């Protein structure tokens, strides 16, 4: 997302925005992560902009489903995420996310603002700075590097 000076003030103070596609094999979403997601929102660390749930059948058919359908046992109050739709997540994005899913899997697609970084991002933009690169190191790569480092230290 490009933030320009002609946007309303509230938009110029937005933090970096990321997305995640979280796949659940066998269409088995336990809901274990929902309280943690709510906690991140409650503490102002992130702001959920879009949240979509999709499922890919064995035959490859993709369908979306409502957040209220995820809480059959009543254990998690997911109404806080109803209507999380900023418009940043386009139908083409959802189709692309569905393309990476294995058959017989469900996924949550989430677009979120890193609210914790908004003041820094705002100050950098006001100072004329701009983000020219960004990335994420996969956990598997970090664990492998630590294992390699540990092996190198052992006699």
Protein backbone atom coordinates (compact mmCIF):
# COMPACT_ATOMS: atom_id res chain seq x y z
CA UNK A 1 0.00 0.00 0.00
CA UNK A 2 1.38 3.37 -0.93
CA UNK A 3 0.72 6.18 1.51
CA UNK A 4 0.74 9.63 -0.04
CA UNK A 5 0.51 13.07 1.49
CA UNK A 6 -2.93 13.71 -0.07
CA UNK A 7 -4.54 11.01 2.09
CA UNK A 8 -6.43 12.02 5.24
CA UNK A 9 -4.23 12.39 8.32
CA UNK A 10 -5.46 9.11 9.80
CA UNK A 11 -4.19 7.24 6.72
CA UNK A 12 -0.75 8.84 6.81
CA UNK A 13 -0.29 7.51 10.34
CA UNK A 14 -0.79 3.88 9.38
CA UNK A 15 1.83 1.25 10.14
CA UNK A 16 3.23 -1.41 7.81
CA UNK A 17 0.63 -3.83 6.49
CA UNK A 18 1.21 -7.57 6.15
CA UNK A 19 -0.84 -10.58 5.21
CA UNK A 20 -0.86 -14.23 6.21
CA UNK A 21 -2.46 -17.31 4.70
CA UNK A 22 -2.76 -19.93 7.45
CA UNK A 23 -3.59 -23.41 6.14
CA UNK A 24 -5.32 -26.10 8.21
CA UNK A 25 -5.04 -29.61 6.72
CA UNK A 26 -8.14 -31.73 6.82
CA UNK A 27 -10.25 -28.61 7.38
CA UNK A 28 -9.48 -28.84 11.10
CA UNK A 29 -9.37 -25.37 12.60
CA UNK A 30 -9.16 -25.79 16.35
CA UNK A 31 -9.51 -22.12 17.20
CA UNK A 32 -6.51 -22.27 19.52
CA UNK A 33 -4.97 -19.20 17.90
CA UNK A 34 -8.07 -16.99 18.10
CA UNK A 35 -7.56 -15.84 21.73
CA UNK A 36 -3.98 -14.90 20.86
CA UNK A 37 -5.13 -12.95 17.79
CA UNK A 38 -7.72 -11.12 19.91
CA UNK A 39 -5.03 -10.37 22.49
CA UNK A 40 -2.77 -8.82 19.83
CA UNK A 41 -5.64 -6.60 18.73
CA UNK A 42 -6.65 -5.71 22.30
CA UNK A 43 -3.09 -4.69 23.15
CA UNK A 44 -2.84 -2.48 20.05
CA UNK A 45 -0.02 -4.51 18.52
CA UNK A 46 -1.94 -5.22 15.33
CA UNK A 47 -5.16 -4.05 13.73
CA UNK A 48 -7.05 -6.62 11.64
CA UNK A 49 -8.04 -5.01 8.35
CA UNK A 50 -9.38 -8.05 6.50
CA UNK A 51 -10.15 -11.58 7.60
CA UNK A 52 -11.50 -14.20 5.22
CA UNK A 53 -11.90 -17.95 5.64
CA UNK A 54 -11.83 -20.33 2.71
CA UNK A 55 -11.95 -24.05 2.21
CA UNK A 56 -10.68 -26.13 -0.68
CA UNK A 57 -12.52 -29.39 -1.29
CA UNK A 58 -10.84 -32.60 -2.46
CA UNK A 59 -12.02 -31.81 -6.01
CA UNK A 60 -10.39 -28.34 -5.84
CA UNK A 61 -13.61 -26.37 -5.40
CA UNK A 62 -13.03 -23.30 -3.25
CA UNK A 63 -15.68 -21.71 -1.06
CA UNK A 64 -15.64 -18.97 1.53
CA UNK A 65 -17.30 -19.22 4.89
CA UNK A 66 -18.36 -16.80 7.57
CA UNK A 67 -16.43 -16.33 10.82
CA UNK A 68 -19.58 -17.12 12.80
CA UNK A 69 -19.53 -20.65 11.36
CA UNK A 70 -16.19 -21.34 13.06
CA UNK A 71 -17.46 -21.22 16.61
CA UNK A 72 -19.82 -24.18 16.73
CA UNK A 73 -18.97 -25.00 20.36
CA UNK A 74 -19.33 -21.43 21.62
CA UNK A 75 -15.88 -21.47 23.20
CA UNK A 76 -14.53 -18.48 21.25
CA UNK A 77 -16.33 -15.19 20.71
CA UNK A 78 -15.37 -14.45 17.13
CA UNK A 79 -17.91 -11.69 16.56
CA UNK A 80 -15.07 -9.21 17.08
CA UNK A 81 -13.87 -10.13 13.59
CA UNK A 82 -17.22 -9.89 11.83
CA UNK A 83 -17.08 -7.21 9.18
CA UNK A 84 -13.27 -7.08 9.07
CA UNK A 85 -13.19 -5.92 5.46
CA UNK A 86 -11.10 -2.88 4.56
CA UNK A 87 -11.18 -3.53 0.83
CA UNK A 88 -7.43 -4.17 0.65
CA UNK A 89 -8.03 -7.90 0.14
CA UNK A 90 -9.48 -8.19 -3.36
CA UNK A 91 -11.25 -11.27 -4.76
CA UNK A 92 -8.15 -11.92 -6.90
CA UNK A 93 -6.05 -12.05 -3.72
CA UNK A 94 -8.39 -14.60 -2.17
CA UNK A 95 -8.24 -16.65 -5.38
CA UNK A 96 -4.42 -16.51 -5.28
CA UNK A 97 -4.45 -17.63 -1.64
CA UNK A 98 -6.76 -20.50 -2.53
CA UNK A 99 -4.32 -21.49 -5.25
CA UNK A 100 -1.63 -22.32 -2.71
CA UNK A 101 -3.92 -24.45 -0.55
CA UNK A 102 -3.81 -28.21 -0.74
CA UNK A 103 -7.12 -29.99 -1.41
CA UNK A 104 -9.15 -30.82 1.72
CA UNK A 105 -7.73 -27.82 3.59
CA UNK A 106 -9.15 -24.64 5.05
CA UNK A 107 -7.38 -21.35 5.53
CA UNK A 108 -7.65 -18.05 7.25
CA UNK A 109 -6.47 -15.11 5.15
CA UNK A 110 -5.67 -12.09 7.29
CA UNK A 111 -4.49 -8.61 6.34
CA UNK A 112 -3.28 -6.63 9.32
CA UNK A 113 -1.59 -3.39 10.22
CA UNK A 114 1.46 -3.56 12.46
CA UNK A 115 0.02 -0.86 14.70
CA UNK A 116 3.04 -0.99 17.02
CA UNK A 117 5.19 0.35 14.14
CA UNK A 118 2.85 3.16 13.05
CA UNK A 119 4.60 5.95 15.02
CA UNK A 120 8.01 4.94 13.62
CA UNK A 121 6.67 4.57 10.08
CA UNK A 122 4.96 7.95 10.31
CA UNK A 123 8.12 9.66 11.58
CA UNK A 124 10.23 8.07 8.84
CA UNK A 125 7.76 9.20 6.13
CA UNK A 126 7.58 12.72 7.57
CA UNK A 127 11.38 12.81 7.54
CA UNK A 128 11.44 11.94 3.85
CA UNK A 129 12.37 8.29 4.33
CA UNK A 130 10.78 5.39 2.55
CA UNK A 131 10.81 1.63 2.78
CA UNK A 132 12.83 0.16 -0.08
CA UNK A 133 13.00 -3.47 1.01
CA UNK A 134 11.28 -5.78 3.44
CA UNK A 135 11.26 -9.48 4.12
CA UNK A 136 10.74 -12.25 6.57
CA UNK A 137 13.08 -15.08 7.49
CA UNK A 138 11.20 -18.41 7.66
CA UNK A 139 11.31 -20.07 11.09
CA UNK A 140 12.70 -23.25 9.51
CA UNK A 141 15.70 -21.28 8.20
CA UNK A 142 16.35 -19.75 11.62
CA UNK A 143 16.19 -23.14 13.33
CA UNK A 144 18.53 -24.66 10.73
CA UNK A 145 21.01 -21.80 11.17
CA UNK A 146 20.94 -22.21 14.96
CA UNK A 147 21.46 -25.95 14.60
CA UNK A 148 24.42 -25.31 12.27
CA UNK A 149 25.87 -22.80 14.71
CA UNK A 150 25.41 -25.19 17.63
CA UNK A 151 27.06 -28.02 15.66
CA UNK A 152 30.03 -25.78 14.81
CA UNK A 153 30.59 -24.93 18.49
CA UNK A 154 30.53 -28.56 19.68
CA UNK A 155 33.95 -30.26 19.80
